[in-house]
Amino acid sequence: MAIMLNARRAHDDPQLRNDSAAWPEPWPVLELTLEDRQRWRLAAMLPNGRAVAVILPRTEHMQHGDVLCGDQGERVVVQAAVEELFCIQASSPFELMRIVYHLANRHVRAMLTTEAVWIQPDPVLADMVRRLGGTVMVVQQAFIPEGGAYAAGQGDGHHHHASECGVEEHDQAMGNLGEELSIAAHARAKL
């Protein structure tokens, strides 16, 4: 049976230490790409082979270091998975700052240091960076981009009204369909 995780807490939330007796540490680690960390519904497998189902409120996205919690005291730590990225460097701090300006102007998620910028692979952006004098290397690394102005809960930075878009109805229909499929699968297994 899958572990159902329906709450997200920051790794330093004092509440985690208060109720950790129900699910002893060390907590299992769930490695997720940025794309998967941006989802609020997710089925995944822990390294030990145990299935997890993440069901968070629509406005919550998982961050590297978060702890996902279940109703039975379950705890799972979210960790950024290694994925293919572009590492962008430049010959001077000004040149790198100029490249970052152009990437930000295109609303590109980026992980920043004083020496380099990492972005998800995009050949058009790589060409732009090279035209601006930067170098682009393909690397394998965990991707933990800057949060930006909407990091506190809106995730992608776009303002949505779920009820206006029919998203809530779609999620409800998918949830109902998933429940029906699960019931049918369990019924077949009993035969």
N, C-alpha and C. Protein backbone atom coordinates (compact mmCIF):
# COMPACT_ATOMS: atom_id res chain seq x y z
N MET A 1 0.83 -1.17 0.00
CA MET A 1 0.00 0.00 0.00
C MET A 1 0.89 1.25 0.00
N ALA A 2 0.48 2.25 -0.75
CA ALA A 2 1.25 3.49 -0.88
C ALA A 2 1.14 4.34 0.37
N ILE A 3 2.22 5.05 0.66
CA ILE A 3 2.21 6.05 1.72
C ILE A 3 1.53 7.29 1.15
N MET A 4 0.50 7.76 1.81
CA MET A 4 -0.21 8.95 1.37
C MET A 4 0.38 10.17 2.09
N LEU A 5 0.91 11.11 1.33
CA LEU A 5 1.53 12.31 1.87
C LEU A 5 0.70 13.51 1.45
N ASN A 6 0.16 14.25 2.43
CA ASN A 6 -0.77 15.31 2.09
C ASN A 6 -0.45 16.65 2.74
N ALA A 7 0.73 16.79 3.31
CA ALA A 7 1.13 18.07 3.91
C ALA A 7 2.61 18.27 3.64
N ARG A 8 2.99 19.53 3.50
CA ARG A 8 4.38 19.88 3.23
C ARG A 8 4.84 20.84 4.32
N ARG A 9 6.02 20.54 4.88
CA ARG A 9 6.59 21.42 5.90
C ARG A 9 8.05 21.71 5.54
N ALA A 10 8.49 22.89 5.90
CA ALA A 10 9.89 23.24 5.71
C ALA A 10 10.74 22.36 6.62
N HIS A 11 11.95 22.07 6.20
CA HIS A 11 12.82 21.17 6.97
C HIS A 11 13.08 21.65 8.38
N ASP A 12 12.98 22.96 8.62
CA ASP A 12 13.27 23.50 9.96
C ASP A 12 12.01 23.76 10.79
N ASP A 13 10.87 23.24 10.37
CA ASP A 13 9.61 23.43 11.10
C ASP A 13 9.70 22.71 12.44
N PRO A 14 9.56 23.43 13.57
CA PRO A 14 9.68 22.79 14.89
C PRO A 14 8.65 21.69 15.12
N GLN A 15 7.51 21.78 14.47
CA GLN A 15 6.46 20.76 14.62
C GLN A 15 6.97 19.38 14.22
N LEU A 16 7.90 19.31 13.26
CA LEU A 16 8.43 18.02 12.82
C LEU A 16 9.13 17.28 13.94
N ARG A 17 9.84 17.99 14.76
CA ARG A 17 10.56 17.35 15.87
C ARG A 17 9.59 16.94 16.98
N ASN A 18 8.52 17.68 17.15
CA ASN A 18 7.56 17.38 18.21
C ASN A 18 6.82 16.08 17.97
N ASP A 19 6.56 15.75 16.72
CA ASP A 19 5.76 14.55 16.46
C ASP A 19 6.52 13.50 15.65
N SER A 20 7.86 13.48 15.76
CA SER A 20 8.65 12.53 14.98
C SER A 20 8.63 11.11 15.57
N ALA A 21 8.10 10.93 16.75
CA ALA A 21 8.09 9.59 17.36
C ALA A 21 7.26 8.61 16.55
N ALA A 22 6.22 9.09 15.87
CA ALA A 22 5.35 8.20 15.10
C ALA A 22 6.08 7.64 13.88
N TRP A 23 7.06 8.35 13.37
CA TRP A 23 7.78 7.91 12.17
C TRP A 23 9.25 8.21 12.41
N PRO A 24 10.00 7.24 12.92
CA PRO A 24 11.37 7.51 13.37
C PRO A 24 12.30 7.94 12.23
N GLU A 25 13.28 8.74 12.59
CA GLU A 25 14.30 9.16 11.64
C GLU A 25 15.32 8.04 11.49
N PRO A 26 16.11 7.92 10.47
CA PRO A 26 16.14 8.86 9.35
C PRO A 26 14.94 8.63 8.42
N TRP A 27 14.38 9.72 7.95
CA TRP A 27 13.23 9.64 7.07
C TRP A 27 13.68 9.29 5.66
N PRO A 28 12.86 8.55 4.94
CA PRO A 28 13.22 8.22 3.55
C PRO A 28 13.35 9.49 2.71
N VAL A 29 14.16 9.41 1.67
CA VAL A 29 14.40 10.55 0.78
C VAL A 29 13.75 10.27 -0.56
N LEU A 30 13.02 11.25 -1.07
CA LEU A 30 12.38 11.17 -2.37
C LEU A 30 13.07 12.18 -3.28
N GLU A 31 13.87 11.66 -4.24
CA GLU A 31 14.58 12.55 -5.16
C GLU A 31 13.66 12.88 -6.32
N LEU A 32 13.48 14.19 -6.57
CA LEU A 32 12.58 14.66 -7.62
C LEU A 32 13.24 15.74 -8.45
N THR A 33 12.98 15.71 -9.75
CA THR A 33 13.43 16.78 -10.63
C THR A 33 12.63 18.03 -10.33
N LEU A 34 13.05 19.15 -10.86
CA LEU A 34 12.30 20.39 -10.66
C LEU A 34 10.88 20.23 -11.18
N GLU A 35 10.73 19.63 -12.33
CA GLU A 35 9.39 19.44 -12.90
C GLU A 35 8.48 18.68 -11.94
N ASP A 36 8.99 17.61 -11.36
CA ASP A 36 8.17 16.84 -10.42
C ASP A 36 7.94 17.59 -9.11
N ARG A 37 8.89 18.42 -8.68
CA ARG A 37 8.69 19.19 -7.45
C ARG A 37 7.64 20.27 -7.62
N GLN A 38 7.31 20.63 -8.86
CA GLN A 38 6.30 21.65 -9.12
C GLN A 38 4.89 21.06 -9.17
N ARG A 39 4.76 19.77 -9.05
CA ARG A 39 3.46 19.12 -9.10
C ARG A 39 2.85 19.05 -7.70
N TRP A 40 1.55 19.03 -7.62
CA TRP A 40 0.88 18.88 -6.32
C TRP A 40 0.22 17.52 -6.23
N ARG A 41 0.22 16.77 -7.31
CA ARG A 41 -0.25 15.39 -7.34
C ARG A 41 0.86 14.57 -7.99
N LEU A 42 1.32 13.54 -7.29
CA LEU A 42 2.45 12.78 -7.80
C LEU A 42 2.45 11.37 -7.22
N ALA A 43 2.68 10.41 -8.06
CA ALA A 43 2.92 9.03 -7.61
C ALA A 43 4.39 8.74 -7.88
N ALA A 44 5.09 8.20 -6.89
CA ALA A 44 6.52 7.95 -7.03
C ALA A 44 6.92 6.75 -6.18
N MET A 45 8.16 6.33 -6.35
CA MET A 45 8.70 5.22 -5.58
C MET A 45 9.89 5.71 -4.76
N LEU A 46 9.95 5.28 -3.51
CA LEU A 46 11.10 5.56 -2.66
C LEU A 46 12.22 4.59 -3.04
N PRO A 47 13.46 4.88 -2.68
CA PRO A 47 14.57 3.96 -2.99
C PRO A 47 14.37 2.55 -2.43
N ASN A 48 13.60 2.42 -1.34
CA ASN A 48 13.36 1.10 -0.75
C ASN A 48 12.25 0.33 -1.46
N GLY A 49 11.69 0.92 -2.54
CA GLY A 49 10.64 0.25 -3.31
C GLY A 49 9.23 0.54 -2.85
N ARG A 50 9.07 1.32 -1.81
CA ARG A 50 7.74 1.65 -1.31
C ARG A 50 7.13 2.78 -2.13
N ALA A 51 5.88 2.63 -2.50
CA ALA A 51 5.17 3.63 -3.29
C ALA A 51 4.69 4.77 -2.40
N VAL A 52 4.74 5.99 -2.94
CA VAL A 52 4.19 7.15 -2.25
C VAL A 52 3.25 7.88 -3.20
N ALA A 53 2.20 8.44 -2.61
CA ALA A 53 1.26 9.28 -3.35
C ALA A 53 1.28 10.65 -2.68
N VAL A 54 1.69 11.67 -3.42
CA VAL A 54 1.73 13.03 -2.90
C VAL A 54 0.47 13.74 -3.37
N ILE A 55 -0.30 14.25 -2.41
CA ILE A 55 -1.54 14.95 -2.72
C ILE A 55 -1.55 16.23 -1.89
N LEU A 56 -1.06 17.32 -2.50
CA LEU A 56 -0.93 18.60 -1.81
C LEU A 56 -1.99 19.57 -2.30
N PRO A 57 -2.27 20.61 -1.54
CA PRO A 57 -3.14 21.67 -2.05
C PRO A 57 -2.54 22.27 -3.32
N ARG A 58 -3.39 22.71 -4.21
CA ARG A 58 -2.97 23.22 -5.52
C ARG A 58 -1.90 24.31 -5.44
N THR A 59 -1.92 25.13 -4.45
CA THR A 59 -0.99 26.26 -4.37
C THR A 59 0.36 25.88 -3.79
N GLU A 60 0.54 24.65 -3.36
CA GLU A 60 1.81 24.25 -2.74
C GLU A 60 2.65 23.43 -3.70
N HIS A 61 3.90 23.83 -3.80
CA HIS A 61 4.86 23.08 -4.60
C HIS A 61 6.00 22.65 -3.69
N MET A 62 6.55 21.50 -3.97
CA MET A 62 7.62 20.97 -3.13
C MET A 62 8.94 21.68 -3.42
N GLN A 63 9.70 21.90 -2.37
CA GLN A 63 11.02 22.51 -2.48
C GLN A 63 12.05 21.52 -1.96
N HIS A 64 13.27 21.66 -2.46
CA HIS A 64 14.38 20.85 -1.96
C HIS A 64 14.48 21.04 -0.45
N GLY A 65 14.50 19.96 0.30
CA GLY A 65 14.61 20.02 1.75
C GLY A 65 13.28 19.95 2.49
N ASP A 66 12.17 20.12 1.78
CA ASP A 66 10.86 20.01 2.43
C ASP A 66 10.66 18.61 2.99
N VAL A 67 9.79 18.52 3.97
CA VAL A 67 9.39 17.22 4.52
C VAL A 67 7.91 17.05 4.21
N LEU A 68 7.58 15.95 3.53
CA LEU A 68 6.19 15.63 3.23
C LEU A 68 5.67 14.76 4.36
N CYS A 69 4.45 15.02 4.79
CA CYS A 69 3.88 14.35 5.95
C CYS A 69 2.58 13.67 5.59
N GLY A 70 2.33 12.54 6.24
CA GLY A 70 1.08 11.82 6.07
C GLY A 70 0.27 11.83 7.36
N ASP A 71 -0.98 11.39 7.25
CA ASP A 71 -1.89 11.38 8.40
C ASP A 71 -1.47 10.41 9.49
N GLN A 72 -0.70 9.38 9.15
CA GLN A 72 -0.28 8.38 10.13
C GLN A 72 1.11 8.66 10.70
N GLY A 73 1.59 9.90 10.51
CA GLY A 73 2.90 10.27 11.02
C GLY A 73 4.04 10.00 10.06
N GLU A 74 3.74 9.58 8.83
CA GLU A 74 4.79 9.31 7.86
C GLU A 74 5.55 10.59 7.52
N ARG A 75 6.82 10.44 7.25
CA ARG A 75 7.67 11.56 6.88
C ARG A 75 8.57 11.13 5.72
N VAL A 76 8.68 11.99 4.71
CA VAL A 76 9.56 11.75 3.57
C VAL A 76 10.22 13.08 3.23
N VAL A 77 11.54 13.07 3.08
CA VAL A 77 12.29 14.28 2.75
C VAL A 77 12.40 14.42 1.24
N VAL A 78 12.12 15.62 0.73
CA VAL A 78 12.25 15.91 -0.70
C VAL A 78 13.67 16.39 -0.97
N GLN A 79 14.27 15.79 -1.99
CA GLN A 79 15.62 16.19 -2.38
C GLN A 79 15.64 16.43 -3.89
N ALA A 80 16.35 17.45 -4.32
CA ALA A 80 16.48 17.74 -5.74
C ALA A 80 17.28 16.62 -6.40
N ALA A 81 16.72 16.04 -7.46
CA ALA A 81 17.39 14.97 -8.19
C ALA A 81 18.40 15.56 -9.16
N VAL A 82 19.42 14.78 -9.46
CA VAL A 82 20.38 15.17 -10.48
C VAL A 82 19.68 15.10 -11.83
N GLU A 83 19.83 16.15 -12.62
CA GLU A 83 19.24 16.18 -13.95
C GLU A 83 20.18 16.91 -14.91
N GLU A 84 19.92 16.79 -16.19
CA GLU A 84 20.75 17.46 -17.18
C GLU A 84 20.44 18.95 -17.18
N LEU A 85 21.51 19.75 -17.08
CA LEU A 85 21.38 21.21 -17.06
C LEU A 85 22.41 21.83 -17.99
N PHE A 86 22.19 23.09 -18.33
CA PHE A 86 23.21 23.88 -18.99
C PHE A 86 23.91 24.71 -17.92
N CYS A 87 25.23 24.64 -17.88
CA CYS A 87 26.04 25.49 -17.01
C CYS A 87 26.58 26.61 -17.89
N ILE A 88 26.25 27.83 -17.53
CA ILE A 88 26.63 29.00 -18.32
C ILE A 88 27.67 29.79 -17.56
N GLN A 89 28.76 30.09 -18.23
CA GLN A 89 29.81 30.91 -17.65
C GLN A 89 30.18 32.03 -18.61
N ALA A 90 30.87 33.03 -18.10
CA ALA A 90 31.28 34.17 -18.91
C ALA A 90 32.68 34.59 -18.50
N SER A 91 33.30 35.44 -19.32
CA SER A 91 34.68 35.85 -19.06
C SER A 91 34.80 36.95 -18.02
N SER A 92 33.67 37.58 -17.66
CA SER A 92 33.73 38.64 -16.64
C SER A 92 32.41 38.67 -15.87
N PRO A 93 32.45 39.22 -14.66
CA PRO A 93 31.20 39.35 -13.90
C PRO A 93 30.15 40.17 -14.65
N PHE A 94 30.57 41.22 -15.34
CA PHE A 94 29.60 42.03 -16.08
C PHE A 94 28.95 41.22 -17.20
N GLU A 95 29.75 40.45 -17.90
CA GLU A 95 29.22 39.62 -18.99
C GLU A 95 28.22 38.60 -18.45
N LEU A 96 28.53 38.00 -17.31
CA LEU A 96 27.60 37.04 -16.70
C LEU A 96 26.32 37.75 -16.25
N MET A 97 26.47 38.94 -15.67
CA MET A 97 25.29 39.70 -15.25
C MET A 97 24.42 40.05 -16.46
N ARG A 98 25.03 40.38 -17.58
CA ARG A 98 24.30 40.69 -18.80
C ARG A 98 23.53 39.47 -19.29
N ILE A 99 24.16 38.31 -19.24
CA ILE A 99 23.49 37.07 -19.65
C ILE A 99 22.30 36.78 -18.73
N VAL A 100 22.52 36.93 -17.42
CA VAL A 100 21.43 36.71 -16.46
C VAL A 100 20.27 37.66 -16.74
N TYR A 101 20.57 38.90 -17.07
CA TYR A 101 19.53 39.87 -17.40
C TYR A 101 18.67 39.35 -18.56
N HIS A 102 19.32 38.87 -19.61
CA HIS A 102 18.58 38.39 -20.79
C HIS A 102 17.79 37.11 -20.48
N LEU A 103 18.34 36.24 -19.66
CA LEU A 103 17.61 35.04 -19.26
C LEU A 103 16.40 35.42 -18.41
N ALA A 104 16.59 36.34 -17.47
CA ALA A 104 15.48 36.77 -16.61
C ALA A 104 14.39 37.45 -17.43
N ASN A 105 14.78 38.16 -18.45
CA ASN A 105 13.81 38.82 -19.33
C ASN A 105 12.91 37.80 -20.04
N ARG A 106 13.38 36.56 -20.11
CA ARG A 106 12.61 35.47 -20.72
C ARG A 106 11.98 34.57 -19.66
N HIS A 107 12.01 35.00 -18.41
CA HIS A 107 11.42 34.27 -17.28
C HIS A 107 11.96 32.85 -17.16
N VAL A 108 13.26 32.71 -17.36
CA VAL A 108 13.92 31.41 -17.27
C VAL A 108 14.27 31.13 -15.81
N ARG A 109 13.93 29.96 -15.33
CA ARG A 109 14.35 29.55 -13.98
C ARG A 109 15.85 29.33 -14.01
N ALA A 110 16.52 29.86 -13.00
CA ALA A 110 17.98 29.78 -12.99
C ALA A 110 18.50 29.56 -11.58
N MET A 111 19.58 28.80 -11.51
CA MET A 111 20.32 28.59 -10.27
C MET A 111 21.61 29.42 -10.42
N LEU A 112 21.87 30.28 -9.46
CA LEU A 112 22.93 31.26 -9.61
C LEU A 112 24.06 31.09 -8.60
N THR A 113 25.28 31.33 -9.08
CA THR A 113 26.44 31.55 -8.21
C THR A 113 27.18 32.74 -8.81
N THR A 114 28.23 33.18 -8.17
CA THR A 114 28.98 34.32 -8.70
C THR A 114 29.78 33.93 -9.94
N GLU A 115 30.01 32.63 -10.17
CA GLU A 115 30.81 32.18 -11.31
C GLU A 115 30.00 31.59 -12.46
N ALA A 116 28.75 31.18 -12.19
CA ALA A 116 28.00 30.48 -13.23
C ALA A 116 26.50 30.58 -12.98
N VAL A 117 25.76 30.25 -14.02
CA VAL A 117 24.31 30.17 -13.98
C VAL A 117 23.93 28.81 -14.57
N TRP A 118 22.99 28.13 -13.93
CA TRP A 118 22.50 26.85 -14.45
C TRP A 118 21.05 27.02 -14.84
N ILE A 119 20.71 26.50 -16.02
CA ILE A 119 19.33 26.53 -16.49
C ILE A 119 18.98 25.16 -17.07
N GLN A 120 17.69 24.93 -17.26
CA GLN A 120 17.28 23.70 -17.93
C GLN A 120 17.64 23.81 -19.40
N PRO A 121 17.98 22.69 -20.04
CA PRO A 121 18.43 22.73 -21.44
C PRO A 121 17.41 23.35 -22.38
N ASP A 122 17.90 24.27 -23.20
CA ASP A 122 17.09 24.93 -24.22
C ASP A 122 18.06 25.42 -25.30
N PRO A 123 18.04 24.80 -26.48
CA PRO A 123 19.01 25.17 -27.52
C PRO A 123 18.90 26.63 -27.97
N VAL A 124 17.72 27.19 -27.97
CA VAL A 124 17.54 28.60 -28.37
C VAL A 124 18.24 29.51 -27.37
N LEU A 125 18.07 29.21 -26.07
CA LEU A 125 18.74 30.01 -25.05
C LEU A 125 20.25 29.82 -25.10
N ALA A 126 20.69 28.61 -25.39
CA ALA A 126 22.13 28.35 -25.51
C ALA A 126 22.72 29.20 -26.63
N ASP A 127 22.03 29.30 -27.77
CA ASP A 127 22.51 30.13 -28.87
C ASP A 127 22.58 31.60 -28.45
N MET A 128 21.55 32.07 -27.73
CA MET A 128 21.54 33.45 -27.26
C MET A 128 22.73 33.71 -26.34
N VAL A 129 22.98 32.78 -25.41
CA VAL A 129 24.09 32.94 -24.46
C VAL A 129 25.41 33.02 -25.21
N ARG A 130 25.59 32.16 -26.21
CA ARG A 130 26.84 32.18 -26.98
C ARG A 130 26.99 33.51 -27.74
N ARG A 131 25.88 34.02 -28.30
CA ARG A 131 25.93 35.32 -29.00
C ARG A 131 26.31 36.45 -28.04
N LEU A 132 25.95 36.29 -26.76
CA LEU A 132 26.29 37.29 -25.75
C LEU A 132 27.70 37.10 -25.19
N GLY A 133 28.44 36.11 -25.70
CA GLY A 133 29.82 35.90 -25.28
C GLY A 133 30.01 34.85 -24.20
N GLY A 134 28.94 34.18 -23.78
CA GLY A 134 29.04 33.16 -22.74
C GLY A 134 29.38 31.79 -23.30
N THR A 135 29.72 30.88 -22.39
CA THR A 135 29.94 29.48 -22.77
C THR A 135 28.85 28.63 -22.13
N VAL A 136 28.50 27.56 -22.81
CA VAL A 136 27.45 26.66 -22.33
C VAL A 136 28.00 25.24 -22.30
N MET A 137 27.89 24.61 -21.14
CA MET A 137 28.31 23.22 -21.00
C MET A 137 27.12 22.40 -20.49
N VAL A 138 26.99 21.19 -20.97
CA VAL A 138 25.96 20.28 -20.47
C VAL A 138 26.54 19.57 -19.26
N VAL A 139 25.82 19.62 -18.14
CA VAL A 139 26.28 19.00 -16.90
C VAL A 139 25.13 18.21 -16.28
N GLN A 140 25.48 17.35 -15.36
CA GLN A 140 24.50 16.61 -14.56
C GLN A 140 24.59 17.15 -13.14
N GLN A 141 23.50 17.75 -12.66
CA GLN A 141 23.54 18.37 -11.34
C GLN A 141 22.12 18.52 -10.81
N ALA A 142 22.00 18.56 -9.50
CA ALA A 142 20.70 18.86 -8.89
C ALA A 142 20.36 20.31 -9.22
N PHE A 143 19.09 20.57 -9.51
CA PHE A 143 18.65 21.90 -9.92
C PHE A 143 17.77 22.51 -8.85
N ILE A 144 18.28 23.55 -8.20
CA ILE A 144 17.54 24.27 -7.16
C ILE A 144 17.55 25.74 -7.56
N PRO A 145 16.63 26.14 -8.45
CA PRO A 145 16.64 27.51 -8.95
C PRO A 145 16.19 28.52 -7.90
N GLU A 146 16.47 29.78 -8.19
CA GLU A 146 16.01 30.88 -7.36
C GLU A 146 14.48 30.84 -7.31
N GLY A 147 13.91 31.20 -6.16
CA GLY A 147 12.47 31.14 -6.01
C GLY A 147 11.71 32.23 -6.74
N GLY A 148 12.24 33.41 -6.79
CA GLY A 148 11.55 34.50 -7.45
C GLY A 148 10.45 35.09 -6.59
N ALA A 149 9.74 36.03 -7.16
CA ALA A 149 8.73 36.78 -6.43
C ALA A 149 7.55 35.93 -6.00
N TYR A 150 7.30 34.82 -6.68
CA TYR A 150 6.12 34.01 -6.39
C TYR A 150 6.47 32.71 -5.68
N ALA A 151 7.64 32.60 -5.14
CA ALA A 151 8.09 31.34 -4.53
C ALA A 151 7.28 30.94 -3.31
N ALA A 152 6.59 31.85 -2.68
CA ALA A 152 5.87 31.53 -1.44
C ALA A 152 4.66 30.66 -1.67
N GLY A 153 4.31 30.36 -2.90
CA GLY A 153 3.18 29.47 -3.06
C GLY A 153 2.61 29.42 -4.46
N GLN A 154 2.86 30.41 -5.30
CA GLN A 154 2.26 30.41 -6.62
C GLN A 154 3.07 29.63 -7.63
N GLY A 155 4.27 29.20 -7.27
CA GLY A 155 5.03 28.29 -8.10
C GLY A 155 5.53 28.90 -9.40
N ASP A 156 4.69 28.95 -10.42
CA ASP A 156 5.15 29.37 -11.73
C ASP A 156 5.09 30.88 -11.93
N GLY A 157 4.59 31.61 -10.95
CA GLY A 157 4.56 33.04 -11.06
C GLY A 157 3.37 33.59 -11.83
N HIS A 158 2.51 32.74 -12.27
CA HIS A 158 1.32 33.19 -12.99
C HIS A 158 0.11 33.07 -12.08
N HIS A 159 -0.74 34.05 -12.14
CA HIS A 159 -1.91 34.08 -11.27
C HIS A 159 -3.06 33.34 -11.96
N HIS A 160 -3.58 32.31 -11.33
CA HIS A 160 -4.67 31.52 -11.89
C HIS A 160 -5.85 31.50 -10.94
N HIS A 161 -7.02 31.44 -11.51
CA HIS A 161 -8.23 31.20 -10.74
C HIS A 161 -8.73 29.84 -11.19
N ALA A 162 -8.47 28.82 -10.39
CA ALA A 162 -8.78 27.45 -10.79
C ALA A 162 -10.24 27.28 -11.18
N SER A 163 -11.14 27.89 -10.43
CA SER A 163 -12.56 27.69 -10.73
C SER A 163 -12.93 28.32 -12.07
N GLU A 164 -12.23 29.39 -12.49
CA GLU A 164 -12.52 30.01 -13.77
C GLU A 164 -12.03 29.16 -14.93
N CYS A 165 -11.01 28.36 -14.70
CA CYS A 165 -10.41 27.57 -15.78
C CYS A 165 -10.98 26.16 -15.84
N GLY A 166 -11.83 25.79 -14.93
CA GLY A 166 -12.36 24.43 -14.90
C GLY A 166 -11.38 23.42 -14.35
N VAL A 167 -10.27 23.88 -13.75
CA VAL A 167 -9.24 22.99 -13.25
C VAL A 167 -9.74 22.15 -12.08
N GLU A 168 -10.48 22.76 -11.17
CA GLU A 168 -10.97 22.01 -10.02
C GLU A 168 -11.89 20.88 -10.46
N GLU A 169 -12.76 21.17 -11.42
CA GLU A 169 -13.66 20.14 -11.92
C GLU A 169 -12.88 19.01 -12.59
N HIS A 170 -11.83 19.38 -13.33
CA HIS A 170 -11.00 18.38 -14.00
C HIS A 170 -10.30 17.50 -12.96
N ASP A 171 -9.70 18.14 -11.93
CA ASP A 171 -9.04 17.37 -10.88
C ASP A 171 -10.01 16.44 -10.16
N GLN A 172 -11.21 16.92 -9.88
CA GLN A 172 -12.22 16.09 -9.23
C GLN A 172 -12.57 14.89 -10.10
N ALA A 173 -12.77 15.13 -11.41
CA ALA A 173 -13.09 14.03 -12.32
C ALA A 173 -11.94 13.03 -12.37
N MET A 174 -10.70 13.51 -12.42
CA MET A 174 -9.54 12.62 -12.47
C MET A 174 -9.41 11.84 -11.16
N GLY A 175 -9.68 12.51 -10.04
CA GLY A 175 -9.65 11.83 -8.74
C GLY A 175 -10.70 10.74 -8.67
N ASN A 176 -11.89 11.04 -9.16
CA ASN A 176 -12.96 10.04 -9.18
C ASN A 176 -12.59 8.87 -10.09
N LEU A 177 -12.03 9.18 -11.26
CA LEU A 177 -11.62 8.13 -12.18
C LEU A 177 -10.54 7.26 -11.55
N GLY A 178 -9.56 7.90 -10.90
CA GLY A 178 -8.49 7.15 -10.25
C GLY A 178 -9.03 6.24 -9.16
N GLU A 179 -9.98 6.75 -8.39
CA GLU A 179 -10.59 5.94 -7.33
C GLU A 179 -11.34 4.75 -7.93
N GLU A 180 -12.08 4.98 -9.00
CA GLU A 180 -12.82 3.90 -9.65
C GLU A 180 -11.87 2.84 -10.20
N LEU A 181 -10.76 3.28 -10.81
CA LEU A 181 -9.78 2.32 -11.33
C LEU A 181 -9.15 1.52 -10.21
N SER A 182 -8.85 2.18 -9.08
CA SER A 182 -8.27 1.49 -7.94
C SER A 182 -9.23 0.43 -7.39
N ILE A 183 -10.49 0.79 -7.24
CA ILE A 183 -11.50 -0.14 -6.73
C ILE A 183 -11.62 -1.33 -7.68
N ALA A 184 -11.65 -1.05 -8.98
CA ALA A 184 -11.75 -2.13 -9.97
C ALA A 184 -10.53 -3.05 -9.91
N ALA A 185 -9.34 -2.48 -9.77
CA ALA A 185 -8.11 -3.28 -9.69
C ALA A 185 -8.11 -4.16 -8.45
N HIS A 186 -8.56 -3.64 -7.31
CA HIS A 186 -8.62 -4.43 -6.08
C HIS A 186 -9.67 -5.54 -6.21
N ALA A 187 -10.76 -5.25 -6.88
CA ALA A 187 -11.79 -6.25 -7.06
C ALA A 187 -11.28 -7.40 -7.92
N ARG A 188 -10.52 -7.06 -8.99
CA ARG A 188 -9.94 -8.10 -9.87
C ARG A 188 -8.92 -8.92 -9.10
N ALA A 189 -8.14 -8.27 -8.22
CA ALA A 189 -7.10 -8.97 -7.47
C ALA A 189 -7.68 -10.01 -6.52
N LYS A 190 -8.91 -9.78 -6.05
CA LYS A 190 -9.54 -10.69 -5.11
C LYS A 190 -10.10 -11.94 -5.80
N LEU A 191 -10.26 -11.88 -7.13
CA LEU A 191 -10.82 -13.02 -7.88
C LEU A 191 -9.86 -14.16 -8.01
